[in-house]
Amino acid sequence: MEARRLALLYSHLCPSPSPPAPPRPPLSPSACSPPHDCIFCLIIRGESPAFKLYEDDVCLCILDTRPLIRGHSLIIPKSHFSSLDTTPPSVVAAMCSKVPFLGNAIMKATGSDSFNLLVNNGVAAGQVIFHTHIHIIPRKAGDCLWTSESLHRRPLKIDPETSGLANRVRELLLNISEERKDQVSTLS
């Protein structure tokens, strides 16, 4: 199972038709601590060039400098958050609310009829820039961008292990909800 996950991750990072890109230097979450000199913060401050597609008070959309396919774009919050799970829900909502608008424009500009929406959250998920961002990746039928598309998906097993996983997630969600209620009540 672990080998399959690694193969899937690798196929997303290095699609087979093109040679793998040179490795990027590893970044750590602390690389973007104050004064926030990650590449996205530099772009937002106008200190590094980028092809800006859209900008508002909360977020910016740019063309990815290492695109998987023509038109691959990124939605970036203007405030620095190292990962999706550290980003306030209001900022995530603002970013996500732009997806239909931006996705449609990117599809039309590239002659695509579909797009993938992707967030790499954390090192194991392939995040290499520790500033929250959402990928919009335009797609065309048969473009074979993801080698994982040829993988056969297996049906979910209805067994005690799966039931236990679902129960554990629900339990954690309840705990997180209770913690948030406690935090709000202590602030009042």
N, C-alpha and C. Protein backbone atom coordinates (compact mmCIF):
# COMPACT_ATOMS: atom_id res chain seq x y z
N MET A 1 0.82 -1.19 0.00
CA MET A 1 0.00 0.00 0.00
C MET A 1 0.87 1.26 0.00
N GLU A 2 1.93 1.27 0.83
CA GLU A 2 2.82 2.42 0.89
C GLU A 2 3.50 2.65 -0.45
N ALA A 3 3.92 1.58 -1.11
CA ALA A 3 4.57 1.71 -2.42
C ALA A 3 3.59 2.31 -3.43
N ARG A 4 2.33 1.93 -3.35
CA ARG A 4 1.32 2.47 -4.27
C ARG A 4 1.14 3.96 -4.03
N ARG A 5 1.11 4.38 -2.74
CA ARG A 5 0.98 5.80 -2.43
C ARG A 5 2.16 6.59 -2.96
N LEU A 6 3.36 6.06 -2.77
CA LEU A 6 4.55 6.74 -3.27
C LEU A 6 4.53 6.83 -4.79
N ALA A 7 4.11 5.75 -5.45
CA ALA A 7 4.02 5.77 -6.91
C ALA A 7 2.99 6.79 -7.37
N LEU A 8 1.88 6.89 -6.67
CA LEU A 8 0.85 7.85 -7.01
C LEU A 8 1.36 9.27 -6.82
N LEU A 9 2.01 9.54 -5.70
CA LEU A 9 2.57 10.85 -5.45
C LEU A 9 3.61 11.19 -6.51
N TYR A 10 4.49 10.25 -6.82
CA TYR A 10 5.52 10.47 -7.82
C TYR A 10 4.89 10.77 -9.18
N SER A 11 3.82 10.04 -9.52
CA SER A 11 3.18 10.26 -10.82
C SER A 11 2.58 11.66 -10.91
N HIS A 12 2.14 12.21 -9.77
CA HIS A 12 1.60 13.57 -9.77
C HIS A 12 2.72 14.60 -9.89
N LEU A 13 3.83 14.32 -9.24
CA LEU A 13 4.93 15.27 -9.25
C LEU A 13 5.76 15.18 -10.52
N CYS A 14 5.90 13.99 -11.08
CA CYS A 14 6.73 13.77 -12.26
C CYS A 14 5.96 12.94 -13.28
N PRO A 15 5.04 13.53 -14.04
CA PRO A 15 4.30 12.74 -15.03
C PRO A 15 5.26 12.12 -16.03
N SER A 16 4.95 10.90 -16.49
CA SER A 16 5.88 10.16 -17.32
C SER A 16 6.22 10.74 -18.67
N PRO A 17 5.31 11.40 -19.42
CA PRO A 17 5.69 11.82 -20.75
C PRO A 17 6.89 12.77 -20.79
N SER A 18 7.08 13.59 -19.78
CA SER A 18 8.19 14.53 -19.80
C SER A 18 9.24 14.09 -18.79
N PRO A 19 10.51 14.44 -19.05
CA PRO A 19 11.55 14.06 -18.08
C PRO A 19 11.33 14.79 -16.77
N PRO A 20 11.73 14.18 -15.66
CA PRO A 20 11.53 14.83 -14.37
C PRO A 20 12.30 16.14 -14.29
N ALA A 21 11.68 17.12 -13.64
CA ALA A 21 12.32 18.42 -13.47
C ALA A 21 13.46 18.28 -12.47
N PRO A 22 14.44 19.17 -12.56
CA PRO A 22 15.53 19.11 -11.57
C PRO A 22 14.96 19.28 -10.18
N PRO A 23 15.52 18.60 -9.19
CA PRO A 23 14.95 18.69 -7.84
C PRO A 23 15.06 20.11 -7.29
N ARG A 24 14.01 20.49 -6.58
CA ARG A 24 14.02 21.79 -5.91
C ARG A 24 14.68 21.61 -4.55
N PRO A 25 15.32 22.65 -4.05
CA PRO A 25 15.88 22.52 -2.71
C PRO A 25 14.75 22.33 -1.71
N PRO A 26 14.94 21.45 -0.72
CA PRO A 26 13.87 21.23 0.24
C PRO A 26 13.63 22.48 1.07
N LEU A 27 12.36 22.73 1.34
CA LEU A 27 11.98 23.84 2.20
C LEU A 27 11.40 23.27 3.48
N SER A 28 11.49 24.02 4.53
CA SER A 28 10.87 23.58 5.76
C SER A 28 9.82 24.60 6.15
N PRO A 29 8.85 24.20 6.98
CA PRO A 29 7.84 25.17 7.39
C PRO A 29 8.44 26.42 8.01
N SER A 30 9.61 26.30 8.65
CA SER A 30 10.21 27.47 9.28
C SER A 30 10.85 28.41 8.28
N ALA A 31 11.01 27.96 7.02
CA ALA A 31 11.62 28.82 6.00
C ALA A 31 10.79 30.07 5.74
N CYS A 32 9.54 30.06 6.11
CA CYS A 32 8.66 31.19 5.85
C CYS A 32 8.25 31.91 7.12
N SER A 33 9.04 31.79 8.16
CA SER A 33 8.72 32.53 9.38
C SER A 33 9.05 34.00 9.15
N PRO A 34 8.57 34.88 10.01
CA PRO A 34 8.78 36.31 9.79
C PRO A 34 10.23 36.61 9.44
N PRO A 35 10.50 37.44 8.49
CA PRO A 35 9.62 38.37 7.79
C PRO A 35 8.92 37.80 6.55
N HIS A 36 8.64 36.54 6.49
CA HIS A 36 7.92 35.91 5.38
C HIS A 36 8.59 36.17 4.04
N ASP A 37 9.70 35.51 3.84
CA ASP A 37 10.44 35.65 2.60
C ASP A 37 10.27 34.47 1.66
N CYS A 38 9.17 33.73 1.79
CA CYS A 38 8.92 32.66 0.83
C CYS A 38 8.63 33.29 -0.53
N ILE A 39 8.74 32.54 -1.58
CA ILE A 39 8.57 33.08 -2.93
C ILE A 39 7.19 33.72 -3.11
N PHE A 40 6.16 33.15 -2.52
CA PHE A 40 4.83 33.73 -2.68
C PHE A 40 4.72 35.08 -1.98
N CYS A 41 5.32 35.20 -0.80
CA CYS A 41 5.31 36.49 -0.10
C CYS A 41 6.08 37.54 -0.91
N LEU A 42 7.19 37.13 -1.52
CA LEU A 42 7.96 38.05 -2.37
C LEU A 42 7.13 38.50 -3.57
N ILE A 43 6.39 37.58 -4.18
CA ILE A 43 5.53 37.92 -5.32
C ILE A 43 4.43 38.88 -4.87
N ILE A 44 3.80 38.59 -3.76
CA ILE A 44 2.71 39.43 -3.24
C ILE A 44 3.21 40.84 -2.97
N ARG A 45 4.44 40.96 -2.44
CA ARG A 45 5.01 42.28 -2.16
C ARG A 45 5.57 42.95 -3.41
N GLY A 46 5.53 42.28 -4.55
CA GLY A 46 6.06 42.85 -5.79
C GLY A 46 7.57 42.78 -5.89
N GLU A 47 8.20 41.94 -5.06
CA GLU A 47 9.66 41.83 -5.05
C GLU A 47 10.17 40.69 -5.93
N SER A 48 9.27 39.92 -6.50
CA SER A 48 9.64 38.84 -7.41
C SER A 48 8.62 38.83 -8.54
N PRO A 49 9.07 38.60 -9.77
CA PRO A 49 8.13 38.66 -10.89
C PRO A 49 7.18 37.46 -10.93
N ALA A 50 6.02 37.70 -11.51
CA ALA A 50 5.03 36.63 -11.72
C ALA A 50 4.03 37.11 -12.76
N PHE A 51 3.42 36.16 -13.44
CA PHE A 51 2.33 36.48 -14.36
C PHE A 51 1.04 36.47 -13.55
N LYS A 52 0.61 37.65 -13.13
CA LYS A 52 -0.60 37.76 -12.33
C LYS A 52 -1.82 37.67 -13.23
N LEU A 53 -2.75 36.81 -12.86
CA LEU A 53 -3.99 36.64 -13.61
C LEU A 53 -5.15 37.38 -12.94
N TYR A 54 -5.13 37.43 -11.61
CA TYR A 54 -6.24 38.00 -10.85
C TYR A 54 -5.71 38.42 -9.49
N GLU A 55 -6.31 39.49 -8.95
CA GLU A 55 -5.93 39.94 -7.61
C GLU A 55 -7.12 40.64 -6.97
N ASP A 56 -7.31 40.39 -5.69
CA ASP A 56 -8.29 41.14 -4.90
C ASP A 56 -7.67 41.39 -3.53
N ASP A 57 -8.47 41.79 -2.56
CA ASP A 57 -7.93 42.12 -1.23
C ASP A 57 -7.39 40.91 -0.48
N VAL A 58 -7.90 39.71 -0.79
CA VAL A 58 -7.55 38.51 -0.01
C VAL A 58 -6.57 37.61 -0.74
N CYS A 59 -6.70 37.50 -2.06
CA CYS A 59 -5.88 36.51 -2.77
C CYS A 59 -5.38 37.01 -4.11
N LEU A 60 -4.48 36.22 -4.65
CA LEU A 60 -3.81 36.50 -5.91
C LEU A 60 -3.80 35.21 -6.70
N CYS A 61 -3.99 35.28 -8.01
CA CYS A 61 -3.87 34.10 -8.86
C CYS A 61 -2.75 34.38 -9.87
N ILE A 62 -1.80 33.44 -9.96
CA ILE A 62 -0.66 33.58 -10.87
C ILE A 62 -0.49 32.30 -11.67
N LEU A 63 0.25 32.41 -12.78
CA LEU A 63 0.65 31.21 -13.50
C LEU A 63 1.76 30.53 -12.71
N ASP A 64 1.70 29.22 -12.60
CA ASP A 64 2.74 28.44 -11.92
C ASP A 64 4.03 28.55 -12.75
N THR A 65 5.16 28.79 -12.09
CA THR A 65 6.43 28.92 -12.82
C THR A 65 7.00 27.58 -13.26
N ARG A 66 6.45 26.49 -12.73
CA ARG A 66 6.87 25.13 -13.14
C ARG A 66 5.60 24.33 -13.43
N PRO A 67 4.88 24.73 -14.49
CA PRO A 67 3.56 24.14 -14.74
C PRO A 67 3.61 22.67 -15.14
N LEU A 68 2.61 21.94 -14.70
CA LEU A 68 2.43 20.56 -15.15
C LEU A 68 1.88 20.55 -16.57
N ILE A 69 1.15 21.60 -16.92
CA ILE A 69 0.53 21.72 -18.24
C ILE A 69 0.29 23.22 -18.47
N ARG A 70 0.19 23.63 -19.73
CA ARG A 70 -0.03 25.04 -20.07
C ARG A 70 -1.29 25.56 -19.36
N GLY A 71 -1.13 26.69 -18.66
CA GLY A 71 -2.24 27.30 -17.94
C GLY A 71 -2.33 26.93 -16.47
N HIS A 72 -1.47 26.02 -16.01
CA HIS A 72 -1.44 25.62 -14.59
C HIS A 72 -1.25 26.89 -13.76
N SER A 73 -2.19 27.14 -12.86
CA SER A 73 -2.21 28.38 -12.09
C SER A 73 -2.35 28.11 -10.60
N LEU A 74 -2.05 29.12 -9.81
CA LEU A 74 -2.10 29.01 -8.35
C LEU A 74 -2.91 30.14 -7.76
N ILE A 75 -3.78 29.82 -6.82
CA ILE A 75 -4.48 30.84 -6.03
C ILE A 75 -3.78 30.89 -4.69
N ILE A 76 -3.33 32.08 -4.32
CA ILE A 76 -2.49 32.27 -3.13
C ILE A 76 -3.12 33.33 -2.23
N PRO A 77 -3.25 33.06 -0.93
CA PRO A 77 -3.73 34.14 -0.05
C PRO A 77 -2.64 35.20 0.11
N LYS A 78 -3.04 36.44 0.25
CA LYS A 78 -2.07 37.52 0.40
C LYS A 78 -1.43 37.53 1.79
N SER A 79 -2.08 36.92 2.75
CA SER A 79 -1.48 36.76 4.08
C SER A 79 -0.76 35.43 4.11
N HIS A 80 0.31 35.36 4.87
CA HIS A 80 1.11 34.14 4.93
C HIS A 80 0.52 33.13 5.92
N PHE A 81 0.20 31.95 5.41
CA PHE A 81 -0.19 30.80 6.22
C PHE A 81 0.59 29.62 5.65
N SER A 82 1.23 28.84 6.50
CA SER A 82 2.14 27.81 6.02
C SER A 82 1.44 26.62 5.37
N SER A 83 0.20 26.36 5.71
CA SER A 83 -0.51 25.21 5.15
C SER A 83 -2.01 25.45 5.22
N LEU A 84 -2.76 24.62 4.53
CA LEU A 84 -4.21 24.79 4.50
C LEU A 84 -4.80 24.70 5.90
N ASP A 85 -4.29 23.78 6.71
CA ASP A 85 -4.87 23.60 8.04
C ASP A 85 -4.55 24.75 9.00
N THR A 86 -3.64 25.65 8.63
CA THR A 86 -3.36 26.83 9.47
C THR A 86 -4.04 28.08 8.90
N THR A 87 -4.72 27.93 7.79
CA THR A 87 -5.36 29.07 7.11
C THR A 87 -6.78 29.25 7.66
N PRO A 88 -7.14 30.47 8.05
CA PRO A 88 -8.49 30.70 8.58
C PRO A 88 -9.57 30.31 7.56
N PRO A 89 -10.67 29.75 8.03
CA PRO A 89 -11.75 29.36 7.13
C PRO A 89 -12.23 30.49 6.21
N SER A 90 -12.23 31.71 6.69
CA SER A 90 -12.69 32.83 5.86
C SER A 90 -11.76 33.06 4.67
N VAL A 91 -10.46 32.83 4.86
CA VAL A 91 -9.49 32.99 3.77
C VAL A 91 -9.64 31.83 2.78
N VAL A 92 -9.80 30.61 3.30
CA VAL A 92 -10.02 29.45 2.43
C VAL A 92 -11.29 29.67 1.61
N ALA A 93 -12.34 30.17 2.26
CA ALA A 93 -13.61 30.42 1.56
C ALA A 93 -13.42 31.46 0.46
N ALA A 94 -12.68 32.51 0.75
CA ALA A 94 -12.43 33.55 -0.26
C ALA A 94 -11.67 32.98 -1.45
N MET A 95 -10.66 32.15 -1.17
CA MET A 95 -9.89 31.53 -2.26
C MET A 95 -10.78 30.60 -3.08
N CYS A 96 -11.52 29.74 -2.40
CA CYS A 96 -12.37 28.76 -3.09
C CYS A 96 -13.49 29.43 -3.87
N SER A 97 -13.97 30.56 -3.40
CA SER A 97 -15.06 31.24 -4.11
C SER A 97 -14.61 31.75 -5.48
N LYS A 98 -13.30 31.89 -5.68
CA LYS A 98 -12.78 32.37 -6.97
C LYS A 98 -12.56 31.23 -7.97
N VAL A 99 -12.63 29.99 -7.51
CA VAL A 99 -12.32 28.84 -8.37
C VAL A 99 -13.19 28.78 -9.62
N PRO A 100 -14.53 28.88 -9.54
CA PRO A 100 -15.32 28.80 -10.78
C PRO A 100 -14.96 29.92 -11.77
N PHE A 101 -14.82 31.13 -11.27
CA PHE A 101 -14.48 32.30 -12.08
C PHE A 101 -13.13 32.11 -12.77
N LEU A 102 -12.10 31.79 -11.98
CA LEU A 102 -10.76 31.62 -12.53
C LEU A 102 -10.66 30.35 -13.38
N GLY A 103 -11.23 29.26 -12.89
CA GLY A 103 -11.17 27.99 -13.62
C GLY A 103 -11.78 28.11 -15.00
N ASN A 104 -12.93 28.77 -15.10
CA ASN A 104 -13.58 28.95 -16.41
C ASN A 104 -12.73 29.78 -17.36
N ALA A 105 -12.13 30.86 -16.85
CA ALA A 105 -11.27 31.70 -17.69
C ALA A 105 -10.04 30.92 -18.16
N ILE A 106 -9.44 30.16 -17.26
CA ILE A 106 -8.25 29.37 -17.61
C ILE A 106 -8.61 28.30 -18.64
N MET A 107 -9.77 27.63 -18.45
CA MET A 107 -10.20 26.62 -19.42
C MET A 107 -10.39 27.23 -20.80
N LYS A 108 -11.07 28.37 -20.87
CA LYS A 108 -11.31 29.02 -22.17
C LYS A 108 -9.99 29.45 -22.81
N ALA A 109 -9.09 30.02 -22.02
CA ALA A 109 -7.82 30.51 -22.56
C ALA A 109 -6.94 29.38 -23.08
N THR A 110 -7.06 28.20 -22.49
CA THR A 110 -6.21 27.07 -22.88
C THR A 110 -6.91 26.08 -23.80
N GLY A 111 -8.20 26.33 -24.09
CA GLY A 111 -8.94 25.40 -24.93
C GLY A 111 -9.24 24.09 -24.22
N SER A 112 -9.23 24.11 -22.91
CA SER A 112 -9.51 22.92 -22.10
C SER A 112 -11.00 22.84 -21.83
N ASP A 113 -11.44 21.66 -21.41
CA ASP A 113 -12.86 21.51 -21.06
C ASP A 113 -13.04 21.07 -19.61
N SER A 114 -11.96 20.96 -18.88
CA SER A 114 -12.00 20.50 -17.49
C SER A 114 -10.80 21.08 -16.75
N PHE A 115 -10.82 20.92 -15.42
CA PHE A 115 -9.62 21.25 -14.65
C PHE A 115 -9.61 20.45 -13.36
N ASN A 116 -8.40 20.23 -12.86
CA ASN A 116 -8.22 19.63 -11.53
C ASN A 116 -7.98 20.76 -10.55
N LEU A 117 -8.51 20.58 -9.36
CA LEU A 117 -8.25 21.48 -8.26
C LEU A 117 -7.43 20.68 -7.26
N LEU A 118 -6.28 21.19 -6.87
CA LEU A 118 -5.35 20.40 -6.07
C LEU A 118 -4.73 21.25 -4.97
N VAL A 119 -4.67 20.66 -3.77
CA VAL A 119 -3.95 21.27 -2.66
C VAL A 119 -3.00 20.22 -2.11
N ASN A 120 -1.72 20.53 -2.09
CA ASN A 120 -0.73 19.67 -1.45
C ASN A 120 -0.53 20.24 -0.05
N ASN A 121 -1.02 19.52 0.95
CA ASN A 121 -0.98 20.04 2.31
C ASN A 121 -0.02 19.19 3.15
N GLY A 122 1.20 19.67 3.30
CA GLY A 122 2.21 18.96 4.08
C GLY A 122 3.23 18.26 3.18
N VAL A 123 4.36 17.94 3.77
CA VAL A 123 5.48 17.33 3.04
C VAL A 123 5.08 16.03 2.36
N ALA A 124 4.42 15.13 3.09
CA ALA A 124 4.07 13.83 2.53
C ALA A 124 3.09 13.94 1.37
N ALA A 125 2.35 15.05 1.31
CA ALA A 125 1.40 15.27 0.22
C ALA A 125 2.04 15.99 -0.96
N GLY A 126 3.32 16.32 -0.85
CA GLY A 126 4.02 16.96 -1.95
C GLY A 126 4.13 18.47 -1.86
N GLN A 127 3.77 19.07 -0.72
CA GLN A 127 3.90 20.52 -0.58
C GLN A 127 5.38 20.88 -0.53
N VAL A 128 5.80 21.81 -1.39
CA VAL A 128 7.20 22.24 -1.40
C VAL A 128 7.36 23.72 -1.08
N ILE A 129 6.29 24.49 -1.22
CA ILE A 129 6.32 25.89 -0.80
C ILE A 129 5.34 26.01 0.36
N PHE A 130 5.85 26.39 1.51
CA PHE A 130 5.03 26.40 2.71
C PHE A 130 4.33 27.74 2.91
N HIS A 131 3.46 28.01 1.95
CA HIS A 131 2.53 29.14 1.94
C HIS A 131 1.31 28.54 1.25
N THR A 132 0.17 28.55 1.92
CA THR A 132 -1.04 27.93 1.38
C THR A 132 -1.24 28.34 -0.08
N HIS A 133 -1.61 27.39 -0.91
CA HIS A 133 -1.96 27.69 -2.30
C HIS A 133 -2.79 26.56 -2.88
N ILE A 134 -3.64 26.93 -3.83
CA ILE A 134 -4.51 25.99 -4.52
C ILE A 134 -4.10 25.98 -5.99
N HIS A 135 -3.89 24.78 -6.53
CA HIS A 135 -3.56 24.64 -7.94
C HIS A 135 -4.83 24.51 -8.77
N ILE A 136 -4.90 25.22 -9.89
CA ILE A 136 -5.92 25.00 -10.91
C ILE A 136 -5.16 24.48 -12.12
N ILE A 137 -5.45 23.23 -12.50
CA ILE A 137 -4.70 22.57 -13.57
C ILE A 137 -5.67 22.25 -14.71
N PRO A 138 -5.60 23.02 -15.82
CA PRO A 138 -6.53 22.77 -16.92
C PRO A 138 -6.27 21.40 -17.54
N ARG A 139 -7.36 20.77 -18.01
CA ARG A 139 -7.27 19.41 -18.55
C ARG A 139 -8.04 19.29 -19.86
N LYS A 140 -7.55 18.40 -20.70
CA LYS A 140 -8.22 18.02 -21.94
C LYS A 140 -8.33 16.51 -21.95
N ALA A 141 -9.37 15.98 -22.56
CA ALA A 141 -9.54 14.53 -22.64
C ALA A 141 -8.30 13.92 -23.29
N GLY A 142 -7.80 12.86 -22.68
CA GLY A 142 -6.67 12.13 -23.23
C GLY A 142 -5.32 12.81 -23.06
N ASP A 143 -5.22 13.84 -22.23
CA ASP A 143 -3.92 14.52 -22.08
C ASP A 143 -2.92 13.69 -21.28
N CYS A 144 -3.40 12.65 -20.62
CA CYS A 144 -2.53 11.72 -19.87
C CYS A 144 -1.61 12.43 -18.89
N LEU A 145 -2.11 13.49 -18.27
CA LEU A 145 -1.29 14.23 -17.32
C LEU A 145 -0.95 13.39 -16.10
N TRP A 146 -1.94 12.71 -15.54
CA TRP A 146 -1.70 11.89 -14.36
C TRP A 146 -1.58 10.43 -14.78
N THR A 147 -0.46 9.82 -14.53
CA THR A 147 -0.34 8.39 -14.82
C THR A 147 -1.25 7.59 -13.89
N SER A 148 -1.62 8.20 -12.76
CA SER A 148 -2.50 7.50 -11.82
C SER A 148 -3.91 7.31 -12.37
N GLU A 149 -4.25 8.03 -13.43
CA GLU A 149 -5.59 7.89 -14.00
C GLU A 149 -5.81 6.49 -14.58
N SER A 150 -4.72 5.80 -14.86
CA SER A 150 -4.86 4.45 -15.40
C SER A 150 -4.93 3.40 -14.28
N LEU A 151 -4.72 3.84 -13.03
CA LEU A 151 -4.81 2.90 -11.92
C LEU A 151 -6.26 2.52 -11.67
N HIS A 152 -6.48 1.26 -11.41
CA HIS A 152 -7.84 0.81 -11.12
C HIS A 152 -8.13 1.04 -9.64
N ARG A 153 -9.25 1.67 -9.38
CA ARG A 153 -9.65 1.93 -8.00
C ARG A 153 -10.38 0.71 -7.47
N ARG A 154 -10.12 0.41 -6.22
CA ARG A 154 -10.76 -0.74 -5.58
C ARG A 154 -11.94 -0.27 -4.75
N PRO A 155 -12.97 -1.08 -4.67
CA PRO A 155 -14.12 -0.69 -3.85
C PRO A 155 -13.74 -0.66 -2.37
N LEU A 156 -14.39 0.22 -1.64
CA LEU A 156 -14.18 0.34 -0.21
C LEU A 156 -14.67 -0.93 0.48
N LYS A 157 -13.84 -1.48 1.33
CA LYS A 157 -14.25 -2.68 2.07
C LYS A 157 -15.14 -2.26 3.23
N ILE A 158 -16.25 -2.94 3.37
CA ILE A 158 -17.14 -2.71 4.50
C ILE A 158 -16.76 -3.74 5.56
N ASP A 159 -15.84 -3.34 6.43
CA ASP A 159 -15.33 -4.26 7.44
C ASP A 159 -15.04 -3.47 8.72
N PRO A 160 -14.66 -4.18 9.79
CA PRO A 160 -14.40 -3.49 11.06
C PRO A 160 -13.30 -2.42 10.96
N GLU A 161 -12.28 -2.65 10.14
CA GLU A 161 -11.21 -1.66 10.01
C GLU A 161 -11.74 -0.36 9.41
N THR A 162 -12.55 -0.46 8.37
CA THR A 162 -13.12 0.72 7.73
C THR A 162 -14.09 1.41 8.68
N SER A 163 -14.91 0.64 9.36
CA SER A 163 -15.85 1.20 10.32
C SER A 163 -15.10 1.92 11.43
N GLY A 164 -14.00 1.33 11.89
CA GLY A 164 -13.18 1.95 12.94
C GLY A 164 -12.57 3.26 12.46
N LEU A 165 -12.13 3.31 11.21
CA LEU A 165 -11.57 4.54 10.65
C LEU A 165 -12.64 5.63 10.62
N ALA A 166 -13.82 5.30 10.12
CA ALA A 166 -14.91 6.29 10.06
C ALA A 166 -15.27 6.79 11.46
N ASN A 167 -15.34 5.88 12.41
CA ASN A 167 -15.65 6.27 13.79
C ASN A 167 -14.58 7.19 14.35
N ARG A 168 -13.32 6.88 14.08
CA ARG A 168 -12.20 7.69 14.60
C ARG A 168 -12.24 9.11 14.02
N VAL A 169 -12.50 9.22 12.71
CA VAL A 169 -12.58 10.54 12.10
C VAL A 169 -13.74 11.33 12.71
N ARG A 170 -14.90 10.71 12.86
CA ARG A 170 -16.05 11.40 13.45
C ARG A 170 -15.74 11.86 14.88
N GLU A 171 -15.06 10.99 15.64
CA GLU A 171 -14.68 11.33 17.01
C GLU A 171 -13.75 12.54 17.03
N LEU A 172 -12.77 12.55 16.15
CA LEU A 172 -11.83 13.67 16.08
C LEU A 172 -12.54 14.95 15.66
N LEU A 173 -13.48 14.85 14.74
CA LEU A 173 -14.24 16.03 14.32
C LEU A 173 -15.04 16.60 15.49
N LEU A 174 -15.64 15.73 16.29
CA LEU A 174 -16.37 16.20 17.47
C LEU A 174 -15.43 16.89 18.46
N ASN A 175 -14.26 16.29 18.68
CA ASN A 175 -13.29 16.88 19.60
C ASN A 175 -12.83 18.25 19.11
N ILE A 176 -12.57 18.35 17.81
CA ILE A 176 -12.13 19.63 17.25
C ILE A 176 -13.24 20.67 17.41
N SER A 177 -14.48 20.28 17.15
CA SER A 177 -15.61 21.20 17.30
C SER A 177 -15.73 21.67 18.75
N GLU A 178 -15.57 20.75 19.71
CA GLU A 178 -15.65 21.11 21.12
C GLU A 178 -14.51 22.05 21.51
N GLU A 179 -13.29 21.79 21.00
CA GLU A 179 -12.15 22.66 21.30
C GLU A 179 -12.40 24.07 20.79
N ARG A 180 -12.97 24.17 19.60
CA ARG A 180 -13.26 25.50 19.04
C ARG A 180 -14.30 26.23 19.86
N LYS A 181 -15.32 25.49 20.32
CA LYS A 181 -16.35 26.13 21.17
C LYS A 181 -15.71 26.64 22.45
N ASP A 182 -14.81 25.84 23.06
CA ASP A 182 -14.13 26.26 24.27
C ASP A 182 -13.27 27.50 24.04
N GLN A 183 -12.58 27.54 22.90
CA GLN A 183 -11.73 28.69 22.58
C GLN A 183 -12.58 29.94 22.41
N VAL A 184 -13.72 29.83 21.75
CA VAL A 184 -14.60 30.98 21.55
C VAL A 184 -15.16 31.46 22.87
N SER A 185 -15.56 30.53 23.75
CA SER A 185 -16.13 30.93 25.03
C SER A 185 -15.09 31.59 25.94
N THR A 186 -13.83 31.20 25.86
CA THR A 186 -12.79 31.84 26.70
C THR A 186 -12.44 33.21 26.16
N LEU A 187 -12.69 33.47 24.88
CA LEU A 187 -12.41 34.78 24.31
C LEU A 187 -13.52 35.78 24.60
N SER A 188 -14.70 35.30 24.93
CA SER A 188 -15.84 36.20 25.17
C SER A 188 -15.79 36.82 26.54
